[in-house]
Amino acid sequence: MGYLPQGNVTICTVIEEECTGNGALAAPLHTLLPSSSATQAKTAVIIPEPFPFIVTAQLGVLWFRAAITGKPCHVLQTSAGSNAIEGAYALYSALKVLEEKY
């Protein structure tokens, strides 16, 4: 095609990127992925997928930890406290809305 990249291009293939994500998590730790430092040339990563077409963006997995706290109270004054389980349910519900949107 006659095009030359303006920066580094890396091909990254890993195992366990679907089930546990361990391969994908290990890739940047073992310099399989190029650095995104502002002082370096622009970089690109090609991640092969078994599709008969080119994909420029795809859903991924997001891992995070959430600390949800409550405030204990006596059953006679429930309005003085907050329920961490209900807070977790609200977070879960909000994440489900995001899942449907994207």
Protein backbone atom coordinates (compact mmCIF):
# COMPACT_ATOMS: atom_id res chain seq x y z
CA MET A 1 0.00 0.00 0.00
CA GLY A 2 2.98 2.28 0.29
CA TYR A 3 2.29 3.54 3.81
CA LEU A 4 5.04 3.80 6.40
CA PRO A 5 4.19 4.09 10.12
CA GLN A 6 5.33 7.23 11.93
CA GLY A 7 6.26 5.21 15.03
CA ASN A 8 6.78 1.73 16.35
CA VAL A 9 4.32 -1.04 15.50
CA THR A 10 4.12 -4.11 17.72
CA ILE A 11 2.22 -7.35 17.19
CA CYS A 12 1.06 -8.72 20.52
CA THR A 13 -0.36 -12.22 20.93
CA VAL A 14 -1.04 -13.68 24.35
CA ILE A 15 -2.73 -16.66 25.89
CA GLU A 16 -5.42 -16.45 28.54
CA GLU A 17 -6.75 -13.09 27.44
CA GLU A 18 -10.35 -14.29 27.36
CA CYS A 19 -10.60 -16.55 30.42
CA THR A 20 -8.45 -15.00 33.13
CA GLY A 21 -6.76 -12.11 31.38
CA ASN A 22 -3.40 -13.18 32.79
CA GLY A 23 -1.68 -13.11 29.40
CA ALA A 24 -2.94 -9.61 28.62
CA LEU A 25 -2.03 -8.41 32.11
CA ALA A 26 1.50 -9.78 31.74
CA ALA A 27 2.11 -8.19 28.31
CA PRO A 28 3.06 -4.67 29.49
CA LEU A 29 5.14 -6.11 32.34
CA HIS A 30 7.34 -8.00 29.89
CA THR A 31 7.69 -5.18 27.35
CA LEU A 32 5.42 -6.92 24.86
CA LEU A 33 3.56 -3.65 24.44
CA PRO A 34 5.26 -0.42 23.39
CA SER A 35 5.65 2.41 25.86
CA SER A 36 3.21 5.30 25.57
CA SER A 37 5.67 7.88 26.87
CA ALA A 38 5.12 11.34 25.40
CA THR A 39 8.83 11.59 24.55
CA GLN A 40 8.80 8.52 22.30
CA ALA A 41 7.49 8.15 18.78
CA LYS A 42 3.84 7.35 18.30
CA THR A 43 3.14 3.66 18.73
CA ALA A 44 0.56 1.16 17.59
CA VAL A 45 -0.28 -2.37 18.62
CA ILE A 46 -1.75 -5.02 16.35
CA ILE A 47 -3.61 -7.67 18.29
CA PRO A 48 -4.66 -10.51 15.98
CA GLU A 49 -8.20 -11.82 16.37
CA PRO A 50 -9.84 -14.70 14.51
CA PHE A 51 -12.19 -12.48 12.52
CA PRO A 52 -12.43 -12.29 8.72
CA PHE A 53 -12.37 -8.47 8.93
CA ILE A 54 -10.32 -5.69 10.54
CA VAL A 55 -11.51 -4.48 13.93
CA THR A 56 -10.31 -1.07 15.11
CA ALA A 57 -11.98 -1.24 18.52
CA GLN A 58 -13.46 -4.03 20.53
CA LEU A 59 -15.00 -4.63 23.92
CA GLY A 60 -12.62 -5.57 26.64
CA VAL A 61 -12.60 -6.44 30.27
CA LEU A 62 -12.29 -3.95 33.08
CA TRP A 63 -11.12 -5.16 36.46
CA PHE A 64 -11.49 -3.02 39.53
CA ARG A 65 -12.04 -3.19 43.25
CA ALA A 66 -14.69 -1.18 45.00
CA ALA A 67 -14.84 -0.44 48.70
CA ILE A 68 -18.42 0.13 49.73
CA THR A 69 -18.94 1.20 53.29
CA GLY A 70 -21.99 1.50 55.43
CA LYS A 71 -22.80 3.11 58.72
CA PRO A 72 -24.06 0.77 61.41
CA CYS A 73 -27.04 1.74 63.47
CA HIS A 74 -29.67 0.21 65.72
CA VAL A 75 -32.75 -1.26 64.13
CA LEU A 76 -34.89 1.36 65.87
CA GLN A 77 -33.03 4.15 64.04
CA THR A 78 -32.30 2.75 60.57
CA SER A 79 -32.44 6.23 59.05
CA ALA A 80 -29.35 7.13 61.09
CA GLY A 81 -27.22 4.58 59.21
CA SER A 82 -26.58 3.32 55.71
CA ASN A 83 -26.60 -0.22 54.36
CA ALA A 84 -23.44 -1.24 52.48
CA ILE A 85 -25.27 -4.11 50.75
CA GLU A 86 -27.81 -1.66 49.34
CA GLY A 87 -24.92 0.56 48.24
CA ALA A 88 -23.34 -2.40 46.45
CA TYR A 89 -26.64 -3.12 44.73
CA ALA A 90 -26.86 0.50 43.54
CA LEU A 91 -23.34 0.22 42.10
CA TYR A 92 -24.20 -3.07 40.42
CA SER A 93 -27.36 -1.56 38.91
CA ALA A 94 -25.40 1.41 37.55
CA LEU A 95 -22.82 -0.91 35.99
CA LYS A 96 -25.58 -2.94 34.33
CA VAL A 97 -26.92 0.28 32.78
CA LEU A 98 -23.44 1.00 31.39
CA GLU A 99 -23.22 -2.53 30.06
CA GLU A 100 -26.47 -2.09 28.15
CA LYS A 101 -25.39 1.31 26.82
CA TYR A 102 -22.03 0.09 25.49
